[in-house]
Amino acid sequence: MVATVAQGTLYKLKTDPGETTGVASAHPDVVARLEDEAEKRNAEILAHKHPVGTVDTPNRKVP
């Protein structure tokens, strides 16, 4: 399952665990940093993506 989050969404979980009050507009620097980090991680994942193997037809090479 993949969670879907609106772009630029930010909450202060310590005081708002129910995520009812967004604080993104008060912290645009944090939002920008987190979005940049997410883009880097996504690019890294896509760069190392490979077909999924099964027991019957493994695509993975085990060292």
N, C-alpha and C. Protein backbone atom coordinates (compact mmCIF):
# COMPACT_ATOMS: atom_id res chain seq x y z
N MET A 1 0.84 -1.17 0.00
CA MET A 1 0.00 0.00 0.00
C MET A 1 0.89 1.24 0.00
N VAL A 2 0.53 2.22 -0.82
CA VAL A 2 1.28 3.47 -0.89
C VAL A 2 0.38 4.59 -0.42
N ALA A 3 0.88 5.38 0.51
CA ALA A 3 0.10 6.51 1.01
C ALA A 3 0.14 7.64 0.01
N THR A 4 -0.95 8.34 -0.14
CA THR A 4 -1.01 9.50 -1.02
C THR A 4 -1.09 10.74 -0.15
N VAL A 5 -0.17 11.67 -0.38
CA VAL A 5 -0.11 12.89 0.42
C VAL A 5 -0.10 14.07 -0.54
N ALA A 6 -0.88 15.08 -0.23
CA ALA A 6 -0.89 16.28 -1.07
C ALA A 6 0.48 16.94 -1.05
N GLN A 7 0.90 17.41 -2.20
CA GLN A 7 2.21 18.06 -2.28
C GLN A 7 2.22 19.29 -1.37
N GLY A 8 3.31 19.45 -0.64
CA GLY A 8 3.46 20.60 0.25
C GLY A 8 2.73 20.47 1.56
N THR A 9 2.34 19.25 1.93
CA THR A 9 1.64 19.03 3.18
C THR A 9 2.65 18.83 4.30
N LEU A 10 2.43 19.52 5.41
CA LEU A 10 3.34 19.40 6.55
C LEU A 10 2.54 19.59 7.82
N TYR A 11 2.79 18.71 8.80
CA TYR A 11 2.10 18.78 10.09
C TYR A 11 3.11 18.71 11.21
N LYS A 12 2.75 19.26 12.36
CA LYS A 12 3.59 19.17 13.55
C LYS A 12 3.03 18.02 14.38
N LEU A 13 3.59 16.83 14.15
CA LEU A 13 3.03 15.62 14.75
C LEU A 13 3.13 15.57 16.26
N LYS A 14 4.10 16.25 16.83
CA LYS A 14 4.24 16.24 18.29
C LYS A 14 3.02 16.84 18.97
N THR A 15 2.47 17.90 18.39
CA THR A 15 1.32 18.55 19.00
C THR A 15 0.02 18.32 18.24
N ASP A 16 0.12 17.73 17.04
CA ASP A 16 -1.06 17.49 16.21
C ASP A 16 -0.98 16.10 15.56
N PRO A 17 -1.02 15.03 16.37
CA PRO A 17 -0.87 13.68 15.81
C PRO A 17 -2.01 13.29 14.85
N GLY A 18 -3.12 13.97 14.93
CA GLY A 18 -4.25 13.69 14.05
C GLY A 18 -4.13 14.39 12.70
N GLU A 19 -3.07 15.14 12.51
CA GLU A 19 -2.81 15.87 11.27
C GLU A 19 -4.02 16.69 10.84
N THR A 20 -4.47 17.57 11.73
CA THR A 20 -5.63 18.39 11.44
C THR A 20 -5.27 19.80 11.01
N THR A 21 -4.07 20.27 11.37
CA THR A 21 -3.67 21.64 11.07
C THR A 21 -2.36 21.65 10.30
N GLY A 22 -2.42 22.04 9.04
CA GLY A 22 -1.22 22.11 8.22
C GLY A 22 -0.36 23.30 8.60
N VAL A 23 0.96 23.09 8.59
CA VAL A 23 1.89 24.18 8.93
C VAL A 23 2.87 24.45 7.78
N ALA A 24 2.57 23.95 6.59
CA ALA A 24 3.47 24.12 5.44
C ALA A 24 3.69 25.58 5.11
N SER A 25 2.65 26.39 5.16
CA SER A 25 2.80 27.80 4.79
C SER A 25 3.71 28.55 5.76
N ALA A 26 3.81 28.09 6.99
CA ALA A 26 4.68 28.73 7.98
C ALA A 26 6.13 28.24 7.87
N HIS A 27 6.35 27.14 7.13
CA HIS A 27 7.69 26.55 7.03
C HIS A 27 8.00 26.14 5.59
N PRO A 28 8.00 27.08 4.65
CA PRO A 28 8.25 26.72 3.26
C PRO A 28 9.65 26.14 3.03
N ASP A 29 10.60 26.51 3.87
CA ASP A 29 11.96 25.98 3.75
C ASP A 29 11.99 24.49 4.06
N VAL A 30 11.25 24.07 5.06
CA VAL A 30 11.19 22.66 5.43
C VAL A 30 10.49 21.86 4.33
N VAL A 31 9.39 22.41 3.82
CA VAL A 31 8.66 21.74 2.74
C VAL A 31 9.56 21.57 1.52
N ALA A 32 10.28 22.61 1.15
CA ALA A 32 11.17 22.53 -0.01
C ALA A 32 12.27 21.49 0.21
N ARG A 33 12.84 21.46 1.40
CA ARG A 33 13.90 20.48 1.70
C ARG A 33 13.37 19.05 1.63
N LEU A 34 12.20 18.82 2.20
CA LEU A 34 11.62 17.48 2.19
C LEU A 34 11.21 17.05 0.79
N GLU A 35 10.67 17.97 -0.01
CA GLU A 35 10.30 17.64 -1.38
C GLU A 35 11.54 17.31 -2.20
N ASP A 36 12.62 18.06 -2.00
CA ASP A 36 13.87 17.79 -2.70
C ASP A 36 14.41 16.41 -2.33
N GLU A 37 14.38 16.10 -1.06
CA GLU A 37 14.85 14.79 -0.59
C GLU A 37 13.99 13.66 -1.16
N ALA A 38 12.68 13.86 -1.21
CA ALA A 38 11.78 12.85 -1.76
C ALA A 38 12.06 12.62 -3.24
N GLU A 39 12.32 13.69 -4.00
CA GLU A 39 12.65 13.55 -5.42
C GLU A 39 13.95 12.77 -5.60
N LYS A 40 14.95 13.05 -4.77
CA LYS A 40 16.23 12.33 -4.85
C LYS A 40 16.03 10.85 -4.56
N ARG A 41 15.27 10.54 -3.52
CA ARG A 41 15.03 9.14 -3.16
C ARG A 41 14.26 8.42 -4.25
N ASN A 42 13.26 9.08 -4.82
CA ASN A 42 12.48 8.47 -5.89
C ASN A 42 13.36 8.18 -7.11
N ALA A 43 14.22 9.13 -7.47
CA ALA A 43 15.13 8.92 -8.59
C ALA A 43 16.07 7.75 -8.32
N GLU A 44 16.53 7.62 -7.08
CA GLU A 44 17.42 6.52 -6.71
C GLU A 44 16.69 5.17 -6.82
N ILE A 45 15.47 5.14 -6.38
CA ILE A 45 14.67 3.91 -6.46
C ILE A 45 14.45 3.53 -7.92
N LEU A 46 14.07 4.50 -8.74
CA LEU A 46 13.81 4.21 -10.15
C LEU A 46 15.09 3.79 -10.88
N ALA A 47 16.22 4.34 -10.50
CA ALA A 47 17.49 4.00 -11.13
C ALA A 47 17.90 2.56 -10.85
N HIS A 48 17.44 2.01 -9.73
CA HIS A 48 17.81 0.65 -9.35
C HIS A 48 16.65 -0.35 -9.49
N LYS A 49 15.63 0.07 -10.20
CA LYS A 49 14.45 -0.76 -10.39
C LYS A 49 14.78 -1.92 -11.34
N HIS A 50 14.29 -3.10 -11.03
CA HIS A 50 14.49 -4.27 -11.88
C HIS A 50 13.25 -5.15 -11.82
N PRO A 51 13.11 -6.02 -12.80
CA PRO A 51 11.92 -6.89 -12.82
C PRO A 51 11.85 -7.77 -11.57
N VAL A 52 10.66 -8.03 -11.15
CA VAL A 52 10.43 -8.88 -10.00
C VAL A 52 10.50 -10.33 -10.44
N GLY A 53 11.20 -11.15 -9.70
CA GLY A 53 11.29 -12.57 -10.00
C GLY A 53 10.32 -13.36 -9.16
N THR A 54 10.12 -14.59 -9.55
CA THR A 54 9.28 -15.50 -8.77
C THR A 54 10.11 -16.74 -8.47
N VAL A 55 9.58 -17.62 -7.67
CA VAL A 55 10.28 -18.85 -7.34
C VAL A 55 10.51 -19.66 -8.60
N ASP A 56 9.52 -19.67 -9.50
CA ASP A 56 9.62 -20.45 -10.73
C ASP A 56 10.58 -19.82 -11.75
N THR A 57 10.61 -18.49 -11.79
CA THR A 57 11.46 -17.79 -12.76
C THR A 57 12.20 -16.65 -12.08
N PRO A 58 13.20 -16.98 -11.29
CA PRO A 58 13.93 -15.93 -10.59
C PRO A 58 14.74 -15.06 -11.56
N ASN A 59 14.65 -13.76 -11.36
CA ASN A 59 15.43 -12.81 -12.16
C ASN A 59 16.61 -12.27 -11.37
N ARG A 60 16.71 -12.68 -10.16
CA ARG A 60 17.71 -12.15 -9.25
C ARG A 60 18.92 -13.07 -9.20
N LYS A 61 20.10 -12.50 -9.22
CA LYS A 61 21.32 -13.27 -9.07
C LYS A 61 21.80 -13.14 -7.64
N VAL A 62 21.94 -14.26 -6.99
CA VAL A 62 22.39 -14.28 -5.59
C VAL A 62 23.90 -14.51 -5.59
N PRO A 63 24.65 -13.66 -4.89
CA PRO A 63 26.12 -13.82 -4.88
C PRO A 63 26.55 -15.13 -4.24
